Amino acid sequence: MKLEDKKYRVRFLTHHEKDYNKLLKSSKEQFWTVAELFKETPKHQWVENNDIRLQWHEDDVYIGYGRQYIIYADLNETQYTEYSLRFFKHTEEWK
C-alpha cells in the first residue's frame, strides 16, 4: 500500500436522537434532519470546498431507546492533515 493510498476515517458529525416522535419519521426525513444540522457547522463548508465524499451511518442499538447518526468520510493524508490543522480541538472527541 502506497502512503498516498492510506485513508483516515473522520467523523464530521455525531448526533444522538432520543426523541421518540422524531424517530417515528421516515429514514429519509431523519437523514435530512441530521444533514441540516451538519450544514450549520464550519466543517460543512470545508467538506464542500474539498469535494469530500461523505458517508452515513445509523445505529439503533448504541443508545437503546434512541438512535445515533454519524456523518463521516475517509480522507487521504493531505485532506486529513488540512482537516487536523483547521479543526483539531484538544478537549473534544477526535477522529
Protein backbone atom coordinates (compact mmCIF):
# COMPACT_ATOMS: atom_id res chain seq x y z
CA MET A 1 0.00 0.00 0.00
CA LYS A 2 1.37 3.39 -1.00
CA LEU A 3 1.35 6.12 1.62
CA GLU A 4 -0.93 8.29 -0.54
CA ASP A 5 -3.48 5.43 -0.60
CA LYS A 6 -3.82 5.34 3.18
CA LYS A 7 -7.21 6.55 4.40
CA TYR A 8 -8.14 8.23 7.67
CA ARG A 9 -11.73 7.88 8.83
CA VAL A 10 -13.08 11.12 10.31
CA ARG A 11 -16.47 11.74 11.91
CA PHE A 12 -17.77 15.14 10.89
CA LEU A 13 -20.95 14.94 12.95
CA THR A 14 -22.31 12.58 15.58
CA HIS A 15 -25.91 13.19 16.61
CA HIS A 16 -27.85 11.29 19.28
CA GLU A 17 -31.63 11.36 18.91
CA LYS A 18 -33.72 10.27 21.89
CA ASP A 19 -36.99 11.98 20.96
CA TYR A 20 -39.31 9.06 20.16
CA ASN A 21 -41.56 11.23 17.95
CA LYS A 22 -38.61 12.16 15.73
CA LEU A 23 -37.62 8.51 15.47
CA LEU A 24 -41.05 7.71 14.01
CA LYS A 25 -40.27 9.81 10.93
CA SER A 26 -39.19 8.06 7.75
CA SER A 27 -35.50 7.28 7.27
CA LYS A 28 -35.35 9.94 4.57
CA GLU A 29 -36.78 12.62 6.90
CA GLN A 30 -34.37 11.58 9.66
CA PHE A 31 -31.45 11.79 7.22
CA TRP A 32 -32.37 15.31 6.09
CA THR A 33 -32.84 16.48 9.70
CA VAL A 34 -29.29 15.40 10.52
CA ALA A 35 -27.95 16.76 7.20
CA GLU A 36 -29.41 20.16 8.06
CA LEU A 37 -27.62 20.05 11.43
CA PHE A 38 -24.36 19.32 9.61
CA LYS A 39 -24.89 22.26 7.23
CA GLU A 40 -24.75 24.57 10.26
CA THR A 41 -21.19 23.53 11.13
CA PRO A 42 -17.96 25.10 9.85
CA LYS A 43 -16.84 21.65 8.73
CA HIS A 44 -19.64 21.56 6.14
CA GLN A 45 -18.10 24.34 4.04
CA TRP A 46 -14.68 22.71 4.21
CA VAL A 47 -16.21 19.40 3.02
CA GLU A 48 -17.95 21.21 0.14
CA ASN A 49 -14.80 23.12 -0.86
CA ASN A 50 -12.70 19.94 -0.91
CA ASP A 51 -15.21 17.71 -2.70
CA ILE A 52 -15.21 15.16 0.13
CA ARG A 53 -17.44 12.12 -0.38
CA LEU A 54 -19.48 11.77 2.80
CA GLN A 55 -20.90 8.57 4.20
CA TRP A 56 -23.79 7.94 6.58
CA HIS A 57 -24.29 5.53 9.45
CA GLU A 58 -27.28 4.89 11.73
CA ASP A 59 -27.05 2.84 14.91
CA ASP A 60 -30.23 1.82 16.77
CA VAL A 61 -28.52 -0.34 19.34
CA TYR A 62 -25.90 2.12 20.57
CA ILE A 63 -28.15 4.10 22.91
CA GLY A 64 -31.05 1.72 23.39
CA TYR A 65 -34.17 3.81 23.15
CA GLY A 66 -32.80 6.19 20.59
CA ARG A 67 -30.59 6.34 17.58
CA GLN A 68 -27.10 7.61 16.81
CA TYR A 69 -26.32 9.14 13.44
CA ILE A 70 -22.81 9.63 12.11
CA ILE A 71 -21.68 11.60 9.08
CA TYR A 72 -18.13 10.59 8.20
CA ALA A 73 -15.61 10.29 5.39
CA ASP A 74 -12.36 8.52 4.58
CA LEU A 75 -9.73 11.20 3.92
CA ASN A 76 -6.39 10.86 2.22
CA GLU A 77 -3.27 12.08 4.03
CA THR A 78 -3.34 15.59 2.53
CA GLN A 79 -7.01 16.08 3.40
CA TYR A 80 -6.51 14.64 6.88
CA THR A 81 -3.59 16.98 7.57
CA GLU A 82 -5.56 20.03 6.45
CA TYR A 83 -8.61 18.90 8.43
CA SER A 84 -6.46 18.40 11.54
CA LEU A 85 -4.90 21.84 11.28
CA ARG A 86 -8.27 23.53 10.81
CA PHE A 87 -10.49 21.67 13.26
CA PHE A 88 -8.46 19.93 15.96
CA LYS A 89 -9.58 20.94 19.45
CA HIS A 90 -7.63 19.33 22.25
CA THR A 91 -10.58 18.89 24.63
CA GLU A 92 -13.07 17.40 22.14
CA GLU A 93 -13.57 13.89 20.85
CA TRP A 94 -11.30 13.47 17.86
CA LYS A 95 -11.50 11.41 14.67
